[in-house]
Structure formats: C-alpha cells, structure tokens
Amino acid sequence: MAMHRILGAGLALRLLRVAGRRGRGCPARLLPGPAGGRAPAADVPPCREAPRGLGPGLLPLLAALAWSSRPAPAEQEQERERQGAGGAAAGDAEAEIIQLLKRAKLCIMKDEPAEAELILHDALRLAYKSDNKKAITYTYDLMANLAFIRGQLENAEKLFKATMSYLLGGGMQQEDNAIIEISVKLATIYAAQNRQDLALAGYEFCISTLEEKIERQKELSEDTLSVEEKANTHLLLGMCLDTYARYLLFSKQPSQAQRMYEKALQIAEEILGERHPQTIVLLSDLATTLDAQGRSDEACVHAQRASDLARQVEHPELHVLLSNLAAVLMHRERYAQAEEIYQEALKRAKLKRDEVSVQRIREELAGLSRKRRPLS
C-alpha cells in the first residue's frame, strides 16, 4: 500500500479557507521513533489567526498546498482498500488506519482541525502498535500539514522533519518527489520565521534538484518511467517555482518573481491545461507581479484573462481573482470599472463568507474613493 501521499489538490483548496480561522489547539507529541528512542517533543500552542496581510511565510505555504499531488485514480484507491482489508491482523489494522485518516481529512474539510488532530493521534498510535512504517510516515505528514495551515510552525517543522526522517530511513533518496515536497514546505516555514538563509537554500535546492531530475528523465522510455510519473515531477517543479515566486514577490523582488511565475505557468498550462483552477491562479499572480513593476497594461491583459477563465469554470476563488483585476484597473486609473469589479468581488466574498477578503476589498474601495475624490 502506497500510504505516503501529500494532501490532494481538492482538499488543499478547501484548506485555503481554514488558514485564517481560529480553532482549539491540543497538545501533540511525537511517539517513540523507530530505534526505540523518543522523537523530539512537539507541543502544539493554541491555534492563532493568520496575519491579515498574508506575509511571505503564509502565501508560499498556501501555494504549496494548492499545488499538492493529484489524487490517485479511483481504481487505485479501491485496490488499496481491498489490500488494506485482507483479513489478517496487520491488514485489519491497516484498514482501520485508512478509515481514521479518511475521517481526519473529512474533519479538515469541515473546518474541525482540533477533532482532526485527535483522530490523527489515534491513527498514529495504531500505526505504531501494528509497526506499519508507511502508515506512521503518512500520518506524520498529515499532522504536519494540519499544524502548518493552523500557523503552528514550530510543531509543523518538527513533524515534517520526522516524516522526512522516516522516508530517508526507509531508503528513499533525497531527490525523491516526496522529499522535495516536504523540503519546500520547510523552506516556507523558515521564511515565515525570518530564517532567510535557510529559506533561500531550501527553495534553490528544490528547484535545482527537480530541474536536473527532469533533464535526466527526458530520455527515459515509458517502460522505465510512466508519463504520469514524469508529469508529477513537472507539477512538483511548478509548485516549487510558484512557492518561491510568492516569497520573492513579498520580499519586494518582483522581477525575479515574474520569471518564476512564468515558468510555473508554462508547466501548469502544459500539464493541467489553461482552464485548471491552479493555472488560472498563476495567471492572476503573474498579473499582480507585472503590476508591481509598473507594467499595468500587460498586467491588465493577464488579470482580465484570468477572471474570464475563472467565470467560465466557476472558480472557487473568483472573488479574489476579480479583486486582483480591480486593483490593476485602479492603478491604470480606470476608476469606474475598478469600482464595479470591486463591488462584484465584495458581493461574492460575502456569499463565500470570506471575511478576510471582505475586509480587504472594503479597504480597497475606501482607497479608490479617496483617489476619485477631487482635490478641494
């Protein structure tokens, strides 16, 4: 059973709405490690609300979640469940772990993080009891992601490192996609903690390692490496580029961010298609990066295209994309059109009950009103 999979894209999009909300925290401790010693303690502080400004730490985090690996095909999941319910004691334990993990994911989607954490602890205890190392690793990874989106960065760091330790201890290589995906999330933690040297080293390691890996894989036949495996490596590179671009943009390096966004967008268009939600978000982000450089005409073209595509596919974050377009229009001094789009974005944000976006759009509208007010 291939237990180790990072959070799927559908779940990750729902997690974006969890990141700024309050929830109850409960203490979490890593259980004894594989050698019998104790893994480092990971006390969880009460969950705190994400900063309204969405600084350079949180935004790359959300980028990493949104790009997370695609869910396995339904038939693969069904086969895993059949294998997990084999009837033997180990199989029964594995089946129970799978059910616990499914319940935990459901709680996360329902914005019940404290309940999800309790269930994950139950899964982890059962995984240790049955000595299922793959289940231990996967559960640690889910716990790390949950701590990550709740802003419990120190605990998430320890959990991600525990996950990586189990994977490397099991013979996984540093260039494996699972290791790279954890590494880029660790880099975002370092960025949020203002440990800039570690953050930059992490981003550069992930991107350079994947680029070299993709270059080596070009000549491999489908018998050696499937098309899907190659595509997943490309998508992981896209996630790393996107995450690094957000870090660069919020570090006031828009020209460097632009180059990262352009590479990520090309990958998304080739693998996911131009109408995929993540591709549309990248197009809008590229527009924002161009706008930050004063290239508002180019920015407007991309932002308008992103908004048009978002309407066509009923994008769940349409109100955010419309707000981005309105901001570009305001910078072009097209105030009437900007206000109209801001008002639509505000209405949609209220329907989504996205209070952070509602507040931000109201602030933008107030700023727009001041700009339009004639000097006395």
Foldseek 3Di string as FASTA:
>chain_A
DQLAFADAQVLLVLLVLLLFDFAADDFDAAQPDPVRHGADGQGFDGQDGDDLVCFLLRVLLSLLSNLGDHDDDPVVVVVVLCQLCVPDPLSVLSNVLVVLQVVLSVCSSVSHLRVSVVSLVVSCVSCVVSVPLSSNLRSLSVVLSSCLSSVRLVSSLSSLVSSVVSCVVVPDDCLDLSNLSSLQNNLSSCVVVVVPVSNVVSLVVSLVSLVVVLVVCPPDDCVVPNPVRSLRSLSSNLSSLQSVLSSCVSVVNLVSSLVSLVSSLVSCCVRVNCLDLSNLVSLLVNLLSCVSVVNLVVSLVSLVVSLVSCVVVVRPQSLVSLLSNLVSCVSVVVLVVSLVSLVVSLVSCVVVVSVSSNVVSVVVNVVSVVVPDDDD
